[in-house]
Amino acid sequence: GAAELRDSQLVARPLCTTRRVACAAPAYLQRRGTPTHPRELAQ
């Protein structure tokens, strides 16, 4: 993120872009099931 870059006395070089990913262990999914839609995360 770029929160630190609001400080004019700092310079920054972008290294890469990525995304967050929702993930879980196989044991958890076996026990609770695998969500197929983001709204199912509420359960």
All heavy atoms as atom14 arrays in JSON, in Angstrom:
{
  "sequence": "GAAELRDSQLVARPLCTTRRVACAAPAYLQRRGTPTHPRELAQ",
  "atom14_mask": [
    [1, 1, 1, 1, 0, 0, 0, 0, 0, 0, 0, 0, 0, 0],
    [1, 1, 1, 1, 1, 0, 0, 0, 0, 0, 0, 0, 0, 0],
    [1, 1, 1, 1, 1, 0, 0, 0, 0, 0, 0, 0, 0, 0],
    [1, 1, 1, 1, 1, 1, 1, 1, 1, 0, 0, 0, 0, 0],
    [1, 1, 1, 1, 1, 1, 1, 1, 0, 0, 0, 0, 0, 0],
    [1, 1, 1, 1, 1, 1, 1, 1, 1, 1, 1, 0, 0, 0],
    [1, 1, 1, 1, 1, 1, 1, 1, 0, 0, 0, 0, 0, 0],
    [1, 1, 1, 1, 1, 1, 0, 0, 0, 0, 0, 0, 0, 0],
    [1, 1, 1, 1, 1, 1, 1, 1, 1, 0, 0, 0, 0, 0],
    [1, 1, 1, 1, 1, 1, 1, 1, 0, 0, 0, 0, 0, 0],
    [1, 1, 1, 1, 1, 1, 1, 0, 0, 0, 0, 0, 0, 0],
    [1, 1, 1, 1, 1, 0, 0, 0, 0, 0, 0, 0, 0, 0],
    [1, 1, 1, 1, 1, 1, 1, 1, 1, 1, 1, 0, 0, 0],
    [1, 1, 1, 1, 1, 1, 1, 0, 0, 0, 0, 0, 0, 0],
    [1, 1, 1, 1, 1, 1, 1, 1, 0, 0, 0, 0, 0, 0],
    [1, 1, 1, 1, 1, 1, 0, 0, 0, 0, 0, 0, 0, 0],
    [1, 1, 1, 1, 1, 1, 1, 0, 0, 0, 0, 0, 0, 0],
    [1, 1, 1, 1, 1, 1, 1, 0, 0, 0, 0, 0, 0, 0],
    [1, 1, 1, 1, 1, 1, 1, 1, 1, 1, 1, 0, 0, 0],
    [1, 1, 1, 1, 1, 1, 1, 1, 1, 1, 1, 0, 0, 0],
    [1, 1, 1, 1, 1, 1, 1, 0, 0, 0, 0, 0, 0, 0],
    [1, 1, 1, 1, 1, 0, 0, 0, 0, 0, 0, 0, 0, 0],
    [1, 1, 1, 1, 1, 1, 0, 0, 0, 0, 0, 0, 0, 0],
    [1, 1, 1, 1, 1, 0, 0, 0, 0, 0, 0, 0, 0, 0],
    [1, 1, 1, 1, 1, 0, 0, 0, 0, 0, 0, 0, 0, 0],
    [1, 1, 1, 1, 1, 1, 1, 0, 0, 0, 0, 0, 0, 0],
    [1, 1, 1, 1, 1, 0, 0, 0, 0, 0, 0, 0, 0, 0],
    [1, 1, 1, 1, 1, 1, 1, 1, 1, 1, 1, 1, 0, 0],
    [1, 1, 1, 1, 1, 1, 1, 1, 0, 0, 0, 0, 0, 0],
    [1, 1, 1, 1, 1, 1, 1, 1, 1, 0, 0, 0, 0, 0],
    [1, 1, 1, 1, 1, 1, 1, 1, 1, 1, 1, 0, 0, 0],
    [1, 1, 1, 1, 1, 1, 1, 1, 1, 1, 1, 0, 0, 0],
    [1, 1, 1, 1, 0, 0, 0, 0, 0, 0, 0, 0, 0, 0],
    [1, 1, 1, 1, 1, 1, 1, 0, 0, 0, 0, 0, 0, 0],
    [1, 1, 1, 1, 1, 1, 1, 0, 0, 0, 0, 0, 0, 0],
    [1, 1, 1, 1, 1, 1, 1, 0, 0, 0, 0, 0, 0, 0],
    [1, 1, 1, 1, 1, 1, 1, 1, 1, 1, 0, 0, 0, 0],
    [1, 1, 1, 1, 1, 1, 1, 0, 0, 0, 0, 0, 0, 0],
    [1, 1, 1, 1, 1, 1, 1, 1, 1, 1, 1, 0, 0, 0],
    [1, 1, 1, 1, 1, 1, 1, 1, 1, 0, 0, 0, 0, 0],
    [1, 1, 1, 1, 1, 1, 1, 1, 0, 0, 0, 0, 0, 0],
    [1, 1, 1, 1, 1, 0, 0, 0, 0, 0, 0, 0, 0, 0],
    [1, 1, 1, 1, 1, 1, 1, 1, 1, 0, 0, 0, 0, 0]
  ],
  "atom14_positions": [
    [[0.81, -1.21, 0.0], [0.0, 0.0, 0.0], [0.84, 1.25, 0.0], [2.07, 1.22, 0.13], [0.0, 0.0, 0.0], [0.0, 0.0, 0.0], [0.0, 0.0, 0.0], [0.0, 0.0, 0.0], [0.0, 0.0, 0.0], [0.0, 0.0, 0.0], [0.0, 0.0, 0.0], [0.0, 0.0, 0.0], [0.0, 0.0, 0.0], [0.0, 0.0, 0.0]],
    [[0.16, 2.39, -0.15], [0.86, 3.67, -0.32], [0.64, 4.62, 0.84], [0.87, 5.82, 0.71], [0.4, 4.34, -1.62], [0.0, 0.0, 0.0], [0.0, 0.0, 0.0], [0.0, 0.0, 0.0], [0.0, 0.0, 0.0], [0.0, 0.0, 0.0], [0.0, 0.0, 0.0], [0.0, 0.0, 0.0], [0.0, 0.0, 0.0], [0.0, 0.0, 0.0]],
    [[0.23, 4.11, 2.01], [-0.06, 5.02, 3.12], [1.16, 5.83, 3.51], [1.08, 7.02, 3.8], [-0.57, 4.21, 4.32], [0.0, 0.0, 0.0], [0.0, 0.0, 0.0], [0.0, 0.0, 0.0], [0.0, 0.0, 0.0], [0.0, 0.0, 0.0], [0.0, 0.0, 0.0], [0.0, 0.0, 0.0], [0.0, 0.0, 0.0], [0.0, 0.0, 0.0]],
    [[2.34, 5.19, 3.51], [3.55, 5.9, 3.93], [3.93, 7.0, 2.95], [4.64, 7.92, 3.28], [4.72, 4.91, 4.05], [4.65, 4.01, 5.27], [5.93, 3.21, 5.43], [6.63, 2.99, 4.42], [6.24, 2.81, 6.56], [0.0, 0.0, 0.0], [0.0, 0.0, 0.0], [0.0, 0.0, 0.0], [0.0, 0.0, 0.0], [0.0, 0.0, 0.0]],
    [[3.47, 6.91, 1.7], [3.94, 7.82, 0.68], [3.35, 9.22, 0.82], [3.74, 10.13, 0.11], [3.61, 7.26, -0.71], [4.1, 5.83, -0.96], [3.87, 5.46, -2.41], [5.54, 5.67, -0.58], [0.0, 0.0, 0.0], [0.0, 0.0, 0.0], [0.0, 0.0, 0.0], [0.0, 0.0, 0.0], [0.0, 0.0, 0.0], [0.0, 0.0, 0.0]],
    [[2.4, 9.38, 1.75], [1.88, 10.73, 1.99], [2.95, 11.63, 2.57], [2.83, 12.85, 2.53], [0.68, 10.66, 2.94], [-0.49, 9.85, 2.38], [-1.72, 10.01, 3.25], [-2.77, 9.1, 2.85], [-3.07, 7.98, 3.48], [-2.38, 7.62, 4.55], [-4.04, 7.19, 3.06], [0.0, 0.0, 0.0], [0.0, 0.0, 0.0], [0.0, 0.0, 0.0]],
    [[3.98, 11.05, 3.17], [5.1, 11.81, 3.71], [5.98, 12.25, 2.54], [6.61, 11.42, 1.88], [5.89, 10.94, 4.69], [6.96, 11.73, 5.44], [7.44, 12.74, 4.89], [7.31, 11.32, 6.55], [0.0, 0.0, 0.0], [0.0, 0.0, 0.0], [0.0, 0.0, 0.0], [0.0, 0.0, 0.0], [0.0, 0.0, 0.0], [0.0, 0.0, 0.0]],
    [[6.06, 13.55, 2.32], [6.8, 14.06, 1.16], [8.29, 13.81, 1.27], [9.02, 13.98, 0.3], [6.53, 15.56, 1.0], [6.98, 16.27, 2.15], [0.0, 0.0, 0.0], [0.0, 0.0, 0.0], [0.0, 0.0, 0.0], [0.0, 0.0, 0.0], [0.0, 0.0, 0.0], [0.0, 0.0, 0.0], [0.0, 0.0, 0.0], [0.0, 0.0, 0.0]],
    [[8.78, 13.45, 2.48], [10.2, 13.21, 2.64], [10.57, 11.75, 2.4], [11.69, 11.34, 2.68], [10.64, 13.65, 4.04], [10.5, 15.15, 4.26], [11.15, 15.61, 5.55], [12.0, 14.93, 6.11], [10.75, 16.76, 6.03], [0.0, 0.0, 0.0], [0.0, 0.0, 0.0], [0.0, 0.0, 0.0], [0.0, 0.0, 0.0], [0.0, 0.0, 0.0]],
    [[9.63, 10.97, 1.9], [9.91, 9.59, 1.56], [9.77, 9.38, 0.06], [8.99, 10.05, -0.61], [8.94, 8.64, 2.28], [8.95, 8.65, 3.81], [7.92, 7.67, 4.33], [10.32, 8.31, 4.35], [0.0, 0.0, 0.0], [0.0, 0.0, 0.0], [0.0, 0.0, 0.0], [0.0, 0.0, 0.0], [0.0, 0.0, 0.0], [0.0, 0.0, 0.0]],
    [[10.54, 8.46, -0.46], [10.39, 8.06, -1.85], [10.15, 6.56, -1.86], [10.56, 5.84, -0.95], [11.63, 8.39, -2.7], [11.8, 9.89, -2.81], [12.88, 7.76, -2.12], [0.0, 0.0, 0.0], [0.0, 0.0, 0.0], [0.0, 0.0, 0.0], [0.0, 0.0, 0.0], [0.0, 0.0, 0.0], [0.0, 0.0, 0.0], [0.0, 0.0, 0.0]],
    [[9.44, 6.09, -2.87], [9.13, 4.67, -2.92], [9.23, 4.15, -4.34], [8.89, 4.84, -5.29], [7.73, 4.41, -2.37], [0.0, 0.0, 0.0], [0.0, 0.0, 0.0], [0.0, 0.0, 0.0], [0.0, 0.0, 0.0], [0.0, 0.0, 0.0], [0.0, 0.0, 0.0], [0.0, 0.0, 0.0], [0.0, 0.0, 0.0], [0.0, 0.0, 0.0]],
    [[9.69, 2.92, -4.44], [9.77, 2.27, -5.74], [8.84, 1.06, -5.71], [8.98, 0.17, -4.86], [11.19, 1.82, -6.03], [11.3, 1.08, -7.36], [12.7, 1.01, -7.83], [12.82, 0.29, -9.08], [13.97, -0.01, -9.65], [15.1, 0.35, -9.08], [14.0, -0.67, -10.79], [0.0, 0.0, 0.0], [0.0, 0.0, 0.0], [0.0, 0.0, 0.0]],
    [[7.87, 0.99, -6.61], [6.99, -0.18, -6.63], [7.76, -1.42, -7.05], [8.51, -1.4, -8.03], [5.91, 0.21, -7.65], [6.53, 1.28, -8.49], [7.5, 1.99, -7.63], [0.0, 0.0, 0.0], [0.0, 0.0, 0.0], [0.0, 0.0, 0.0], [0.0, 0.0, 0.0], [0.0, 0.0, 0.0], [0.0, 0.0, 0.0], [0.0, 0.0, 0.0]],
    [[7.58, -2.5, -6.32], [8.27, -3.76, -6.61], [7.4, -4.73, -7.39], [7.88, -5.39, -8.29], [8.72, -4.41, -5.3], [9.76, -3.66, -4.47], [9.98, -4.36, -3.15], [11.06, -3.53, -5.24], [0.0, 0.0, 0.0], [0.0, 0.0, 0.0], [0.0, 0.0, 0.0], [0.0, 0.0, 0.0], [0.0, 0.0, 0.0], [0.0, 0.0, 0.0]],
    [[6.12, -4.82, -7.02], [5.23, -5.74, -7.7], [3.8, -5.46, -7.26], [3.57, -4.71, -6.3], [5.59, -7.19, -7.41], [5.25, -7.69, -5.71], [0.0, 0.0, 0.0], [0.0, 0.0, 0.0], [0.0, 0.0, 0.0], [0.0, 0.0, 0.0], [0.0, 0.0, 0.0], [0.0, 0.0, 0.0], [0.0, 0.0, 0.0], [0.0, 0.0, 0.0]],
    [[2.86, -6.05, -7.94], [1.46, -6.02, -7.5], [1.0, -7.44, -7.24], [1.5, -8.4, -7.83], [0.55, -5.38, -8.57], [0.63, -6.14, -9.79], [0.96, -3.95, -8.85], [0.0, 0.0, 0.0], [0.0, 0.0, 0.0], [0.0, 0.0, 0.0], [0.0, 0.0, 0.0], [0.0, 0.0, 0.0], [0.0, 0.0, 0.0], [0.0, 0.0, 0.0]],
    [[0.07, -7.57, -6.33], [-0.48, -8.88, -5.98], [-1.9, -8.66, -5.48], [-2.39, -7.54, -5.45], [0.37, -9.58, -4.92], [-0.12, -10.9, -4.7], [0.37, -8.82, -3.61], [0.0, 0.0, 0.0], [0.0, 0.0, 0.0], [0.0, 0.0, 0.0], [0.0, 0.0, 0.0], [0.0, 0.0, 0.0], [0.0, 0.0, 0.0], [0.0, 0.0, 0.0]],
    [[-2.56, -9.72, -5.09], [-3.91, -9.63, -4.54], [-4.03, -10.5, -3.3], [-3.29, -11.48, -3.14], [-4.96, -10.09, -5.57], [-5.2, -9.11, -6.7], [-6.31, -9.59, -7.62], [-6.58, -8.66, -8.71], [-7.46, -7.66, -8.64], [-8.17, -7.48, -7.53], [-7.65, -6.86, -9.67], [0.0, 0.0, 0.0], [0.0, 0.0, 0.0], [0.0, 0.0, 0.0]],
    [[-4.97, -10.13, -2.45], [-5.28, -10.99, -1.33], [-6.1, -12.18, -1.82], [-6.8, -12.1, -2.83], [-6.07, -10.22, -0.27], [-5.26, -9.12, 0.4], [-6.09, -8.35, 1.41], [-6.23, -9.07, 2.68], [-6.83, -8.55, 3.76], [-7.37, -7.35, 3.71], [-6.9, -9.25, 4.88], [0.0, 0.0, 0.0], [0.0, 0.0, 0.0], [0.0, 0.0, 0.0]],
    [[-5.97, -13.28, -1.11], [-6.7, -14.49, -1.46], [-7.26, -15.11, -0.18], [-6.57, -15.18, 0.84], [-5.79, -15.49, -2.22], [-4.57, -15.86, -1.4], [-6.58, -16.72, -2.62], [0.0, 0.0, 0.0], [0.0, 0.0, 0.0], [0.0, 0.0, 0.0], [0.0, 0.0, 0.0], [0.0, 0.0, 0.0], [0.0, 0.0, 0.0], [0.0, 0.0, 0.0]],
    [[-8.52, -15.54, -0.23], [-9.11, -16.26, 0.89], [-8.68, -17.72, 0.8], [-8.75, -18.34, -0.26], [-10.64, -16.15, 0.84], [0.0, 0.0, 0.0], [0.0, 0.0, 0.0], [0.0, 0.0, 0.0], [0.0, 0.0, 0.0], [0.0, 0.0, 0.0], [0.0, 0.0, 0.0], [0.0, 0.0, 0.0], [0.0, 0.0, 0.0], [0.0, 0.0, 0.0]],
    [[-8.21, -18.27, 1.9], [-7.74, -19.65, 1.87], [-7.9, -20.29, 3.25], [-7.99, -19.6, 4.27], [-6.29, -19.74, 1.38], [-5.15, -18.61, 2.18], [0.0, 0.0, 0.0], [0.0, 0.0, 0.0], [0.0, 0.0, 0.0], [0.0, 0.0, 0.0], [0.0, 0.0, 0.0], [0.0, 0.0, 0.0], [0.0, 0.0, 0.0], [0.0, 0.0, 0.0]],
    [[-7.91, -21.61, 3.25], [-8.08, -22.36, 4.49], [-7.4, -23.72, 4.34], [-7.08, -24.17, 3.23], [-9.57, -22.55, 4.8], [0.0, 0.0, 0.0], [0.0, 0.0, 0.0], [0.0, 0.0, 0.0], [0.0, 0.0, 0.0], [0.0, 0.0, 0.0], [0.0, 0.0, 0.0], [0.0, 0.0, 0.0], [0.0, 0.0, 0.0], [0.0, 0.0, 0.0]],
    [[-7.19, -24.37, 5.47], [-6.56, -25.69, 5.47], [-7.56, -26.75, 5.02], [-8.77, -26.61, 5.25], [-6.05, -26.02, 6.87], [0.0, 0.0, 0.0], [0.0, 0.0, 0.0], [0.0, 0.0, 0.0], [0.0, 0.0, 0.0], [0.0, 0.0, 0.0], [0.0, 0.0, 0.0], [0.0, 0.0, 0.0], [0.0, 0.0, 0.0], [0.0, 0.0, 0.0]],
    [[-7.09, -27.82, 4.39], [-7.99, -28.91, 4.0], [-8.82, -29.44, 5.17], [-10.0, -29.77, 5.01], [-7.03, -29.97, 3.45], [-5.85, -29.19, 2.97], [-5.7, -28.06, 3.93], [0.0, 0.0, 0.0], [0.0, 0.0, 0.0], [0.0, 0.0, 0.0], [0.0, 0.0, 0.0], [0.0, 0.0, 0.0], [0.0, 0.0, 0.0], [0.0, 0.0, 0.0]],
    [[-8.22, -29.5, 6.36], [-8.94, -30.04, 7.52], [-10.13, -29.15, 7.88], [-11.21, -29.65, 8.23], [-8.0, -30.16, 8.71], [0.0, 0.0, 0.0], [0.0, 0.0, 0.0], [0.0, 0.0, 0.0], [0.0, 0.0, 0.0], [0.0, 0.0, 0.0], [0.0, 0.0, 0.0], [0.0, 0.0, 0.0], [0.0, 0.0, 0.0], [0.0, 0.0, 0.0]],
    [[-9.95, -27.83, 7.78], [-11.06, -26.92, 8.08], [-12.17, -27.09, 7.06], [-13.36, -27.16, 7.41], [-10.57, -25.47, 8.09], [-11.71, -24.48, 8.26], [-12.15, -24.11, 9.52], [-12.35, -23.93, 7.14], [-13.21, -23.21, 9.68], [-13.41, -23.04, 7.29], [-13.83, -22.68, 8.56], [-14.9, -21.81, 8.71], [0.0, 0.0, 0.0], [0.0, 0.0, 0.0]],
    [[-11.82, -27.17, 5.78], [-12.83, -27.3, 4.73], [-13.57, -28.63, 4.83], [-14.78, -28.71, 4.56], [-12.16, -27.15, 3.36], [-11.46, -25.81, 3.11], [-10.73, -25.83, 1.78], [-12.46, -24.65, 3.17], [0.0, 0.0, 0.0], [0.0, 0.0, 0.0], [0.0, 0.0, 0.0], [0.0, 0.0, 0.0], [0.0, 0.0, 0.0], [0.0, 0.0, 0.0]],
    [[-12.87, -29.66, 5.25], [-13.52, -30.96, 5.42], [-14.53, -30.9, 6.57], [-15.59, -31.53, 6.52], [-12.45, -32.02, 5.7], [-12.93, -33.44, 5.57], [-11.76, -34.43, 5.64], [-10.82, -34.23, 6.41], [-11.81, -35.45, 4.83], [0.0, 0.0, 0.0], [0.0, 0.0, 0.0], [0.0, 0.0, 0.0], [0.0, 0.0, 0.0], [0.0, 0.0, 0.0]],
    [[-14.19, -30.12, 7.57], [-15.05, -30.01, 8.75], [-16.22, -29.05, 8.55], [-17.34, -29.31, 9.0], [-14.19, -29.55, 9.94], [-14.9, -29.56, 11.28], [-13.92, -29.26, 12.41], [-13.5, -27.87, 12.44], [-12.28, -27.45, 12.14], [-11.35, -28.32, 11.76], [-11.97, -26.16, 12.21], [0.0, 0.0, 0.0], [0.0, 0.0, 0.0], [0.0, 0.0, 0.0]],
    [[-15.97, -27.93, 7.85], [-16.97, -26.86, 7.75], [-17.54, -26.66, 6.35], [-18.48, -25.89, 6.17], [-16.34, -25.54, 8.23], [-15.91, -25.52, 9.69], [-17.1, -25.47, 10.62], [-17.9, -24.29, 10.36], [-17.69, -23.11, 10.95], [-16.71, -22.96, 11.84], [-18.47, -22.07, 10.67], [0.0, 0.0, 0.0], [0.0, 0.0, 0.0], [0.0, 0.0, 0.0]],
    [[-16.96, -27.3, 5.35], [-17.42, -27.1, 3.98], [-16.67, -25.97, 3.29], [-16.02, -25.15, 3.93], [0.0, 0.0, 0.0], [0.0, 0.0, 0.0], [0.0, 0.0, 0.0], [0.0, 0.0, 0.0], [0.0, 0.0, 0.0], [0.0, 0.0, 0.0], [0.0, 0.0, 0.0], [0.0, 0.0, 0.0], [0.0, 0.0, 0.0], [0.0, 0.0, 0.0]],
    [[-16.75, -25.95, 1.95], [-16.02, -24.98, 1.15], [-16.97, -23.91, 0.62], [-17.93, -24.23, -0.09], [-15.34, -25.67, -0.05], [-14.43, -26.66, 0.45], [-14.56, -24.66, -0.89], [0.0, 0.0, 0.0], [0.0, 0.0, 0.0], [0.0, 0.0, 0.0], [0.0, 0.0, 0.0], [0.0, 0.0, 0.0], [0.0, 0.0, 0.0], [0.0, 0.0, 0.0]],
    [[-16.75, -22.64, 0.94], [-17.62, -21.58, 0.42], [-17.44, -21.43, -1.09], [-16.32, -21.52, -1.61], [-17.15, -20.32, 1.16], [-15.74, -20.62, 1.56], [-15.69, -22.09, 1.81], [0.0, 0.0, 0.0], [0.0, 0.0, 0.0], [0.0, 0.0, 0.0], [0.0, 0.0, 0.0], [0.0, 0.0, 0.0], [0.0, 0.0, 0.0], [0.0, 0.0, 0.0]],
    [[-18.55, -21.2, -1.78], [-18.51, -21.02, -3.25], [-18.84, -19.6, -3.66], [-18.73, -19.26, -4.84], [-19.49, -21.99, -3.92], [-20.81, -21.74, -3.43], [-19.1, -23.44, -3.63], [0.0, 0.0, 0.0], [0.0, 0.0, 0.0], [0.0, 0.0, 0.0], [0.0, 0.0, 0.0], [0.0, 0.0, 0.0], [0.0, 0.0, 0.0], [0.0, 0.0, 0.0]],
    [[-19.25, -18.76, -2.7], [-19.57, -17.36, -2.97], [-19.09, -16.54, -1.77], [-19.18, -17.02, -0.61], [-21.08, -17.18, -3.17], [-21.45, -15.83, -3.71], [-21.51, -14.69, -2.93], [-21.76, -15.44, -4.98], [-21.86, -13.65, -3.68], [-22.0, -14.08, -4.93], [0.0, 0.0, 0.0], [0.0, 0.0, 0.0], [0.0, 0.0, 0.0], [0.0, 0.0, 0.0]],
    [[-18.57, -15.32, -1.99], [-18.08, -14.52, -0.86], [-19.09, -14.33, 0.26], [-18.7, -14.28, 1.44], [-17.71, -13.19, -1.52], [-17.35, -13.55, -2.92], [-18.29, -14.66, -3.29], [0.0, 0.0, 0.0], [0.0, 0.0, 0.0], [0.0, 0.0, 0.0], [0.0, 0.0, 0.0], [0.0, 0.0, 0.0], [0.0, 0.0, 0.0], [0.0, 0.0, 0.0]],
    [[-20.39, -14.24, -0.07], [-21.39, -14.04, 0.99], [-21.45, -15.21, 1.96], [-21.87, -15.05, 3.12], [-22.77, -13.79, 0.37], [-22.89, -12.45, -0.35], [-24.34, -12.11, -0.64], [-24.46, -10.86, -1.36], [-24.5, -10.75, -2.68], [-24.44, -11.85, -3.43], [-24.6, -9.56, -3.26], [0.0, 0.0, 0.0], [0.0, 0.0, 0.0], [0.0, 0.0, 0.0]],
    [[-21.02, -16.39, 1.52], [-21.03, -17.57, 2.4], [-19.98, -17.47, 3.5], [-20.0, -18.26, 4.46], [-20.83, -18.84, 1.57], [-21.95, -19.12, 0.6], [-21.68, -20.35, -0.26], [-20.84, -21.17, 0.13], [-22.32, -20.48, -1.33], [0.0, 0.0, 0.0], [0.0, 0.0, 0.0], [0.0, 0.0, 0.0], [0.0, 0.0, 0.0], [0.0, 0.0, 0.0]],
    [[-19.06, -16.52, 3.38], [-18.06, -16.35, 4.43], [-18.69, -15.98, 5.77], [-18.09, -16.19, 6.83], [-17.03, -15.28, 4.02], [-16.14, -15.64, 2.83], [-15.32, -14.43, 2.41], [-15.22, -16.81, 3.17], [0.0, 0.0, 0.0], [0.0, 0.0, 0.0], [0.0, 0.0, 0.0], [0.0, 0.0, 0.0], [0.0, 0.0, 0.0], [0.0, 0.0, 0.0]],
    [[-19.89, -15.41, 5.73], [-20.58, -15.04, 6.97], [-20.86, -16.27, 7.84], [-21.04, -16.15, 9.06], [-21.88, -14.31, 6.65], [0.0, 0.0, 0.0], [0.0, 0.0, 0.0], [0.0, 0.0, 0.0], [0.0, 0.0, 0.0], [0.0, 0.0, 0.0], [0.0, 0.0, 0.0], [0.0, 0.0, 0.0], [0.0, 0.0, 0.0], [0.0, 0.0, 0.0]],
    [[-20.91, -17.46, 7.24], [-21.16, -18.68, 8.0], [-19.88, -19.39, 8.43], [-19.92, -20.5, 8.96], [-22.01, -19.67, 7.17], [-23.5, -19.34, 7.1], [-23.77, -18.16, 6.21], [-23.39, -18.16, 5.04], [-24.47, -17.15, 6.73], [0.0, 0.0, 0.0], [0.0, 0.0, 0.0], [0.0, 0.0, 0.0], [0.0, 0.0, 0.0], [0.0, 0.0, 0.0]]
  ]
}
